[in-house]
C-alpha atoms as a PDB file:
ATOM      1  CA  UNK A   1     -34.705  35.242  -3.061  1.00  0.00           C
ATOM      2  CA  UNK A   2     -36.670  33.105  -0.708  1.00  0.00           C
ATOM      3  CA  UNK A   3     -39.573  34.914   1.175  1.00  0.00           C
ATOM      4  CA  UNK A   4     -40.090  34.717   4.896  1.00  0.00           C
ATOM      5  CA  UNK A   5     -42.903  32.183   4.374  1.00  0.00           C
ATOM      6  CA  UNK A   6     -40.716  29.972   2.150  1.00  0.00           C
ATOM      7  CA  UNK A   7     -37.873  29.887   4.599  1.00  0.00           C
ATOM      8  CA  UNK A   8     -40.381  28.995   7.370  1.00  0.00           C
ATOM      9  CA  UNK A   9     -41.726  25.985   5.320  1.00  0.00           C
ATOM     10  CA  UNK A  10     -38.289  24.926   4.330  1.00  0.00           C
ATOM     11  CA  UNK A  11     -37.169  24.728   7.928  1.00  0.00           C
ATOM     12  CA  UNK A  12     -40.445  22.910   9.052  1.00  0.00           C
ATOM     13  CA  UNK A  13     -39.561  20.319   6.155  1.00  0.00           C
ATOM     14  CA  UNK A  14     -35.963  19.711   6.895  1.00  0.00           C
ATOM     15  CA  UNK A  15     -35.808  19.996  10.862  1.00  0.00           C
ATOM     16  CA  UNK A  16     -37.622  16.886  11.788  1.00  0.00           C
ATOM     17  CA  UNK A  17     -35.458  14.953   9.382  1.00  0.00           C
ATOM     18  CA  UNK A  18     -32.278  16.526  10.677  1.00  0.00           C
ATOM     19  CA  UNK A  19     -33.345  15.730  14.254  1.00  0.00           C
ATOM     20  CA  UNK A  20     -34.251  12.025  13.193  1.00  0.00           C
ATOM     21  CA  UNK A  21     -30.835  11.544  11.706  1.00  0.00           C
ATOM     22  CA  UNK A  22     -29.140  13.270  14.664  1.00  0.00           C
ATOM     23  CA  UNK A  23     -30.721  10.781  16.894  1.00  0.00           C
ATOM     24  CA  UNK A  24     -29.081   7.893  15.119  1.00  0.00           C
ATOM     25  CA  UNK A  25     -25.695   9.491  14.408  1.00  0.00           C
ATOM     26  CA  UNK A  26     -24.966  11.930  16.982  1.00  0.00           C
ATOM     27  CA  UNK A  27     -23.438  14.623  14.867  1.00  0.00           C
ATOM     28  CA  UNK A  28     -23.616  17.187  13.363  1.00  0.00           C
ATOM     29  CA  UNK A  29     -26.270  19.235  15.130  1.00  0.00           C
ATOM     30  CA  UNK A  30     -29.562  19.520  13.403  1.00  0.00           C
ATOM     31  CA  UNK A  31     -29.109  23.384  13.212  1.00  0.00           C
ATOM     32  CA  UNK A  32     -26.077  22.843  11.114  1.00  0.00           C
ATOM     33  CA  UNK A  33     -27.849  20.521   8.798  1.00  0.00           C
ATOM     34  CA  UNK A  34     -30.768  22.955   8.329  1.00  0.00           C
ATOM     35  CA  UNK A  35     -28.371  25.839   7.588  1.00  0.00           C
ATOM     36  CA  UNK A  36     -26.178  24.087   5.217  1.00  0.00           C
ATOM     37  CA  UNK A  37     -29.312  22.739   3.345  1.00  0.00           C
ATOM     38  CA  UNK A  38     -30.546  26.343   3.048  1.00  0.00           C
ATOM     39  CA  UNK A  39     -27.355  27.521   1.585  1.00  0.00           C
ATOM     40  CA  UNK A  40     -26.669  24.477  -0.650  1.00  0.00           C
ATOM     41  CA  UNK A  41     -30.102  24.423  -2.225  1.00  0.00           C
ATOM     42  CA  UNK A  42     -31.088  28.254  -1.969  1.00  0.00           C
ATOM     43  CA  UNK A  43     -33.934  27.435   0.548  1.00  0.00           C
ATOM     44  CA  UNK A  44     -35.283  24.655  -1.500  1.00  0.00           C
ATOM     45  CA  UNK A  45     -35.533  26.706  -4.736  1.00  0.00           C
ATOM     46  CA  UNK A  46     -32.521  25.310  -6.576  1.00  0.00           C
ATOM     47  CA  UNK A  47     -32.848  23.014  -9.528  1.00  0.00           C
ATOM     48  CA  UNK A  48     -30.967  20.307  -7.636  1.00  0.00           C
ATOM     49  CA  UNK A  49     -34.116  19.805  -5.458  1.00  0.00           C
ATOM     50  CA  UNK A  50     -35.873  18.001  -8.221  1.00  0.00           C
ATOM     51  CA  UNK A  51     -33.290  15.239  -7.574  1.00  0.00           C
ATOM     52  CA  UNK A  52     -33.835  15.606  -3.934  1.00  0.00           C
ATOM     53  CA  UNK A  53     -30.324  16.830  -3.569  1.00  0.00           C
ATOM     54  CA  UNK A  54     -30.466  19.304  -0.956  1.00  0.00           C
ATOM     55  CA  UNK A  55     -27.007  19.240   0.558  1.00  0.00           C
ATOM     56  CA  UNK A  56     -24.659  19.126  -2.449  1.00  0.00           C
ATOM     57  CA  UNK A  57     -23.277  15.634  -1.872  1.00  0.00           C
ATOM     58  CA  UNK A  58     -21.014  14.813  -4.795  1.00  0.00           C
ATOM     59  CA  UNK A  59     -20.516  11.213  -6.034  1.00  0.00           C
ATOM     60  CA  UNK A  60     -16.764  11.249  -5.197  1.00  0.00           C
ATOM     61  CA  UNK A  61     -15.351   7.738  -5.483  1.00  0.00           C
ATOM     62  CA  UNK A  62     -18.930   6.431  -5.145  1.00  0.00           C
ATOM     63  CA  UNK A  63     -17.638   4.027  -2.521  1.00  0.00           C
ATOM     64  CA  UNK A  64     -18.061   6.158   0.647  1.00  0.00           C
ATOM     65  CA  UNK A  65     -21.316   6.788   2.523  1.00  0.00           C
ATOM     66  CA  UNK A  66     -23.572   4.316   0.490  1.00  0.00           C
ATOM     67  CA  UNK A  67     -26.093   3.031   2.864  1.00  0.00           C
ATOM     68  CA  UNK A  68     -28.632   5.846   2.087  1.00  0.00           C
ATOM     69  CA  UNK A  69     -27.712   6.398  -1.572  1.00  0.00           C
ATOM     70  CA  UNK A  70     -28.635   4.144  -4.307  1.00  0.00           C
ATOM     71  CA  UNK A  71     -25.886   5.053  -6.781  1.00  0.00           C
ATOM     72  CA  UNK A  72     -27.800   7.459  -9.173  1.00  0.00           C
ATOM     73  CA  UNK A  73     -26.434  10.940  -9.935  1.00  0.00           C
ATOM     74  CA  UNK A  74     -26.905  13.831 -12.020  1.00  0.00           C
ATOM     75  CA  UNK A  75     -24.284  16.023 -13.791  1.00  0.00           C
ATOM     76  CA  UNK A  76     -24.306  19.874 -13.206  1.00  0.00           C
ATOM     77  CA  UNK A  77     -22.259  23.058 -13.109  1.00  0.00           C
ATOM     78  CA  UNK A  78     -20.925  24.309  -9.897  1.00  0.00           C
ATOM     79  CA  UNK A  79     -18.338  26.991  -8.752  1.00  0.00           C
ATOM     80  CA  UNK A  80     -15.400  26.041  -6.745  1.00  0.00           C
ATOM     81  CA  UNK A  81     -13.039  28.296  -4.873  1.00  0.00           C
ATOM     82  CA  UNK A  82      -9.322  27.724  -6.087  1.00  0.00           C
ATOM     83  CA  UNK A  83      -7.675  30.215  -4.063  1.00  0.00           C
ATOM     84  CA  UNK A  84      -8.809  30.434  -0.324  1.00  0.00           C
ATOM     85  CA  UNK A  85      -6.984  33.719   0.218  1.00  0.00           C
ATOM     86  CA  UNK A  86      -8.606  35.585  -2.672  1.00  0.00           C
ATOM     87  CA  UNK A  87     -11.885  33.591  -3.108  1.00  0.00           C
ATOM     88  CA  UNK A  88     -11.213  33.149  -6.726  1.00  0.00           C
ATOM     89  CA  UNK A  89     -13.933  30.921  -8.406  1.00  0.00           C
ATOM     90  CA  UNK A  90     -13.937  28.596 -11.408  1.00  0.00           C
ATOM     91  CA  UNK A  91     -16.868  27.101 -12.990  1.00  0.00           C
ATOM     92  CA  UNK A  92     -16.739  23.064 -13.428  1.00  0.00           C
ATOM     93  CA  UNK A  93     -19.090  20.287 -14.105  1.00  0.00           C
ATOM     94  CA  UNK A  94     -19.410  17.685 -11.507  1.00  0.00           C
ATOM     95  CA  UNK A  95     -21.541  14.617 -10.510  1.00  0.00           C
ATOM     96  CA  UNK A  96     -24.002  15.062  -7.564  1.00  0.00           C
ATOM     97  CA  UNK A  97     -25.904  12.283  -5.798  1.00  0.00           C
ATOM     98  CA  UNK A  98     -29.759  11.790  -6.544  1.00  0.00           C
ATOM     99  CA  UNK A  99     -32.093  10.493  -3.937  1.00  0.00           C
ATOM    100  CA  UNK A 100     -35.657   8.994  -3.873  1.00  0.00           C
ATOM    101  CA  UNK A 101     -36.584  11.375  -1.383  1.00  0.00           C
ATOM    102  CA  UNK A 102     -35.424  14.254   0.993  1.00  0.00           C
ATOM    103  CA  UNK A 103     -35.017  11.870   3.990  1.00  0.00           C
ATOM    104  CA  UNK A 104     -32.437   9.806   2.119  1.00  0.00           C
ATOM    105  CA  UNK A 105     -30.501  12.899   1.295  1.00  0.00           C
ATOM    106  CA  UNK A 106     -30.416  14.095   5.062  1.00  0.00           C
ATOM    107  CA  UNK A 107     -29.550  10.676   6.238  1.00  0.00           C
ATOM    108  CA  UNK A 108     -26.806  10.372   3.618  1.00  0.00           C
ATOM    109  CA  UNK A 109     -25.376  13.591   4.735  1.00  0.00           C
ATOM    110  CA  UNK A 110     -25.265  12.455   8.354  1.00  0.00           C
ATOM    111  CA  UNK A 111     -23.780   9.088   7.216  1.00  0.00           C
ATOM    112  CA  UNK A 112     -20.948  10.981   5.339  1.00  0.00           C
ATOM    113  CA  UNK A 113     -20.147  13.287   8.245  1.00  0.00           C
ATOM    114  CA  UNK A 114     -19.690  10.189  10.476  1.00  0.00           C
ATOM    115  CA  UNK A 115     -17.154   8.585   8.373  1.00  0.00           C
ATOM    116  CA  UNK A 116     -13.196   8.867   8.969  1.00  0.00           C
ATOM    117  CA  UNK A 117     -13.051  11.634   6.476  1.00  0.00           C
ATOM    118  CA  UNK A 118     -14.815  13.902   8.995  1.00  0.00           C
ATOM    119  CA  UNK A 119     -13.482  12.558  12.163  1.00  0.00           C
ATOM    120  CA  UNK A 120     -12.339  16.087  13.033  1.00  0.00           C
ATOM    121  CA  UNK A 121     -15.983  17.091  13.456  1.00  0.00           C
ATOM    122  CA  UNK A 122     -16.606  16.324  17.045  1.00  0.00           C
ATOM    123  CA  UNK A 123     -19.970  15.442  18.701  1.00  0.00           C
ATOM    124  CA  UNK A 124     -20.727  17.620  21.784  1.00  0.00           C
ATOM    125  CA  UNK A 125     -19.004  20.682  20.163  1.00  0.00           C
ATOM    126  CA  UNK A 126     -20.903  23.860  19.817  1.00  0.00           C
ATOM    127  CA  UNK A 127     -22.558  24.419  16.358  1.00  0.00           C
ATOM    128  CA  UNK A 128     -19.884  27.352  15.527  1.00  0.00           C
ATOM    129  CA  UNK A 129     -17.121  24.754  16.241  1.00  0.00           C
ATOM    130  CA  UNK A 130     -18.790  21.941  14.222  1.00  0.00           C
ATOM    131  CA  UNK A 131     -19.378  24.330  11.383  1.00  0.00           C
ATOM    132  CA  UNK A 132     -15.761  25.194  11.161  1.00  0.00           C
ATOM    133  CA  UNK A 133     -14.525  21.566  11.647  1.00  0.00           C
ATOM    134  CA  UNK A 134     -16.761  20.774   8.601  1.00  0.00           C
ATOM    135  CA  UNK A 135     -15.057  23.320   6.717  1.00  0.00           C
ATOM    136  CA  UNK A 136     -11.657  22.165   7.607  1.00  0.00           C
ATOM    137  CA  UNK A 137     -12.529  18.684   6.487  1.00  0.00           C
ATOM    138  CA  UNK A 138     -13.304  20.437   2.942  1.00  0.00           C
ATOM    139  CA  UNK A 139     -17.131  19.672   2.708  1.00  0.00           C
ATOM    140  CA  UNK A 140     -17.307  23.137   1.026  1.00  0.00           C
ATOM    141  CA  UNK A 141     -14.556  25.311  -0.663  1.00  0.00           C
ATOM    142  CA  UNK A 142     -16.597  28.522  -0.196  1.00  0.00           C
ATOM    143  CA  UNK A 143     -14.822  31.233   1.977  1.00  0.00           C
ATOM    144  CA  UNK A 144     -18.110  32.722   3.064  1.00  0.00           C
ATOM    145  CA  UNK A 145     -20.431  29.518   3.597  1.00  0.00           C
ATOM    146  CA  UNK A 146     -19.292  29.059   7.228  1.00  0.00           C
ATOM    147  CA  UNK A 147     -20.332  32.681   8.282  1.00  0.00           C
ATOM    148  CA  UNK A 148     -23.366  32.384   6.051  1.00  0.00           C
ATOM    149  CA  UNK A 149     -24.656  29.273   7.835  1.00  0.00           C
ATOM    150  CA  UNK A 150     -23.896  30.824  11.181  1.00  0.00           C
ATOM    151  CA  UNK A 151     -25.987  33.772  10.269  1.00  0.00           C
ATOM    152  CA  UNK A 152     -28.922  31.525   9.202  1.00  0.00           C
ATOM    153  CA  UNK A 153     -28.647  29.638  12.486  1.00  0.00           C
ATOM    154  CA  UNK A 154     -28.787  32.832  14.518  1.00  0.00           C
ATOM    155  CA  UNK A 155     -31.401  34.720  12.512  1.00  0.00           C
ATOM    156  CA  UNK A 156     -33.784  31.605  12.452  1.00  0.00           C
ATOM    157  CA  UNK A 157     -33.248  30.425  16.069  1.00  0.00           C
ATOM    158  CA  UNK A 158     -32.263  27.083  14.578  1.00  0.00           C
ATOM    159  CA  UNK A 159     -30.596  25.890  17.831  1.00  0.00           C
ATOM    160  CA  UNK A 160     -34.074  25.171  19.129  1.00  0.00           C
ATOM    161  CA  UNK A 161     -33.846  22.033  17.190  1.00  0.00           C
ATOM    162  CA  UNK A 162     -30.587  20.845  18.755  1.00  0.00           C
ATOM    163  CA  UNK A 163     -32.216  19.816  22.034  1.00  0.00           C
ATOM    164  CA  UNK A 164     -32.730  16.261  21.297  1.00  0.00           C
ATOM    165  CA  UNK A 165     -31.355  13.049  22.647  1.00  0.00           C
ATOM    166  CA  UNK A 166     -31.122  10.157  20.122  1.00  0.00           C
ATOM    167  CA  UNK A 167     -32.576   6.621  19.860  1.00  0.00           C
ATOM    168  CA  UNK A 168     -33.331   4.010  22.538  1.00  0.00           C
ATOM    169  CA  UNK A 169     -30.988   2.319  24.839  1.00  0.00           C
ATOM    170  CA  UNK A 170     -32.320  -1.081  23.694  1.00  0.00           C
ATOM    171  CA  UNK A 171     -30.299  -4.093  24.301  1.00  0.00           C
ATOM    172  CA  UNK A 172     -31.953  -5.510  21.306  1.00  0.00           C
ATOM    173  CA  UNK A 173     -30.572  -2.679  18.825  1.00  0.00           C
ATOM    174  CA  UNK A 174     -27.408  -1.788  20.589  1.00  0.00           C
ATOM    175  CA  UNK A 175     -24.151  -3.916  20.405  1.00  0.00           C
ATOM    176  CA  UNK A 176     -21.769  -4.499  23.397  1.00  0.00           C
ATOM    177  CA  UNK A 177     -19.309  -1.797  23.650  1.00  0.00           C
ATOM    178  CA  UNK A 178     -16.274  -1.251  25.778  1.00  0.00           C
ATOM    179  CA  UNK A 179     -12.991   0.687  26.163  1.00  0.00           C
ATOM    180  CA  UNK A 180     -11.633   1.262  22.882  1.00  0.00           C
ATOM    181  CA  UNK A 181     -14.941   1.146  20.911  1.00  0.00           C
ATOM    182  CA  UNK A 182     -15.884   3.810  18.605  1.00  0.00           C
ATOM    183  CA  UNK A 183     -18.867   5.057  16.617  1.00  0.00           C
ATOM    184  CA  UNK A 184     -22.398   6.329  16.841  1.00  0.00           C
ATOM    185  CA  UNK A 185     -23.370   3.742  19.599  1.00  0.00           C
ATOM    186  CA  UNK A 186     -20.470   5.202  21.667  1.00  0.00           C
ATOM    187  CA  UNK A 187     -21.740   8.686  21.009  1.00  0.00           C
ATOM    188  CA  UNK A 188     -25.160   7.750  22.095  1.00  0.00           C
ATOM    189  CA  UNK A 189     -23.890   6.113  25.233  1.00  0.00           C
ATOM    190  CA  UNK A 190     -22.135   9.275  26.103  1.00  0.00           C
ATOM    191  CA  UNK A 191     -25.251  11.274  25.397  1.00  0.00           C
ATOM    192  CA  UNK A 192     -27.213   8.968  27.700  1.00  0.00           C
ATOM    193  CA  UNK A 193     -24.673   9.152  30.552  1.00  0.00           C
ATOM    194  CA  UNK A 194     -24.445  12.940  30.256  1.00  0.00           C
ATOM    195  CA  UNK A 195     -28.005  13.425  30.394  1.00  0.00           C
ATOM    196  CA  UNK A 196     -28.063  11.256  33.700  1.00  0.00           C
ATOM    197  CA  UNK A 197     -25.433  13.143  35.215  1.00  0.00           C
ATOM    198  CA  UNK A 198     -22.388  11.032  34.693  1.00  0.00           C
ATOM    199  CA  UNK A 199     -19.578  13.061  33.069  1.00  0.00           C
ATOM    200  CA  UNK A 200     -17.743  11.576  30.155  1.00  0.00           C
ATOM    201  CA  UNK A 201     -15.792  14.723  28.892  1.00  0.00           C
ATOM    202  CA  UNK A 202     -16.187  15.370  25.304  1.00  0.00           C
ATOM    203  CA  UNK A 203     -19.097  13.429  23.583  1.00  0.00           C
ATOM    204  CA  UNK A 204     -16.752  12.259  20.596  1.00  0.00           C
ATOM    205  CA  UNK A 205     -17.849   8.660  19.920  1.00  0.00           C
ATOM    206  CA  UNK A 206     -14.707   7.384  21.525  1.00  0.00           C
ATOM    207  CA  UNK A 207     -14.928   4.953  24.482  1.00  0.00           C
ATOM    208  CA  UNK A 208     -12.000   6.220  26.427  1.00  0.00           C
ATOM    209  CA  UNK A 209     -10.984   6.351  30.043  1.00  0.00           C
ATOM    210  CA  UNK A 210     -13.550   8.941  31.305  1.00  0.00           C
ATOM    211  CA  UNK A 211     -16.494   7.077  29.520  1.00  0.00           C
ATOM    212  CA  UNK A 212     -15.364   4.010  31.088  1.00  0.00           C
ATOM    213  CA  UNK A 213     -15.178   5.502  34.460  1.00  0.00           C
ATOM    214  CA  UNK A 214     -18.703   6.977  33.935  1.00  0.00           C
ATOM    215  CA  UNK A 215     -20.005   3.541  32.912  1.00  0.00           C
ATOM    216  CA  UNK A 216     -18.499   2.006  36.040  1.00  0.00           C
ATOM    217  CA  UNK A 217     -20.150   4.598  38.284  1.00  0.00           C
ATOM    218  CA  UNK A 218     -23.529   4.020  36.570  1.00  0.00           C
ATOM    219  CA  UNK A 219     -23.213   0.237  36.971  1.00  0.00           C
ATOM    220  CA  UNK A 220     -22.245   0.672  40.656  1.00  0.00           C
ATOM    221  CA  UNK A 221     -25.279   2.802  41.492  1.00  0.00           C
ATOM    222  CA  UNK A 222     -27.719   0.347  39.573  1.00  0.00           C
ATOM    223  CA  UNK A 223     -26.513  -2.940  41.148  1.00  0.00           C
ATOM    224  CA  UNK A 224     -24.781  -4.055  37.900  1.00  0.00           C
ATOM    225  CA  UNK A 225     -21.605  -5.831  37.414  1.00  0.00           C
ATOM    226  CA  UNK A 226     -18.916  -3.064  37.577  1.00  0.00           C
ATOM    227  CA  UNK A 227     -16.840  -3.970  34.634  1.00  0.00           C
ATOM    228  CA  UNK A 228     -17.099  -0.842  32.391  1.00  0.00           C
ATOM    229  CA  UNK A 229     -18.536  -2.943  29.640  1.00  0.00           C
ATOM    230  CA  UNK A 230     -21.870  -1.902  28.097  1.00  0.00           C
ATOM    231  CA  UNK A 231     -23.932  -4.976  27.302  1.00  0.00           C
ATOM    232  CA  UNK A 232     -27.669  -5.893  27.343  1.00  0.00           C
ATOM    233  CA  UNK A 233     -28.039  -5.310  31.052  1.00  0.00           C
ATOM    234  CA  UNK A 234     -26.489  -2.003  31.161  1.00  0.00           C
ATOM    235  CA  UNK A 235     -28.292  -0.906  28.039  1.00  0.00           C
ATOM    236  CA  UNK A 236     -31.555  -1.866  29.719  1.00  0.00           C
ATOM    237  CA  UNK A 237     -30.761   0.144  32.941  1.00  0.00           C
ATOM    238  CA  UNK A 238     -29.834   3.088  30.730  1.00  0.00           C
ATOM    239  CA  UNK A 239     -33.269   2.929  29.171  1.00  0.00           C
END
C-alpha cells in the first residue's frame, strides 16, 4: 500500500502532465486522469510502470488513438469483470500499450478519450459525471473503480488541478471553424468564450446554435465581421 509521501509524489508527477494534455484536448478533467492512474497502476507501484503504462490502455485493434503510441506492447495477466451485477472476476492475459515516457501515456489516454468511442464523455461536465460516462463507455469493467476514483479525488483535493484553461487562441495553430464543426478546437473555443462571459451552454466540442450565437456576440463587440465563423481574426481577438 502506498504511503502518504508516495501518493503525494505520484500526484506531483502526474498532475502537470494531465493539465498539459487537458489544455490540448479539453476532456476529461485532470482530476479524473490522476485518480484513474492511481487506481490503474497502484499509485505508481505496479509492474506496468516499467513500461510507462500508468492508465491500463490496451492495444485493442491497434488502429485507434495512435498519435502518442508507437505500437509497442507487453502481455500481462489482468482481471476482468464478467458479470456486472455480481462483480464476478476472471483472470485473462491481454496486450497493453508500452510508452517511451509517462507523458506519452497521459497524452495517449486523452487522445483515446477524445475519439468517437468516448463521445458520451462530455467536456464541461462535473468530474462525477465524467467518471460515470467513462464507465458507461467501458474503459473499465470494474464495478468499484468509479467510486474508488471519486474517493481518491475527494480525499486528495484533486479538483484543484481542474482550474486550467487550455492552449493559445493563435491564428497560426487554430483552424477556421464554424457551425457544424466538432473536436478539440471547438472545445477550446467554447472554453475561451465561457471564460470571457459568452454563454455557449454545454462545453461539448460541438459547434451548435448557442456557440454560433456566442461567437456572433463576441464578434459584434470587437468590431469583427459578424458571421459566426471563427477564423484568424476572431482567434486573434480571443487571444
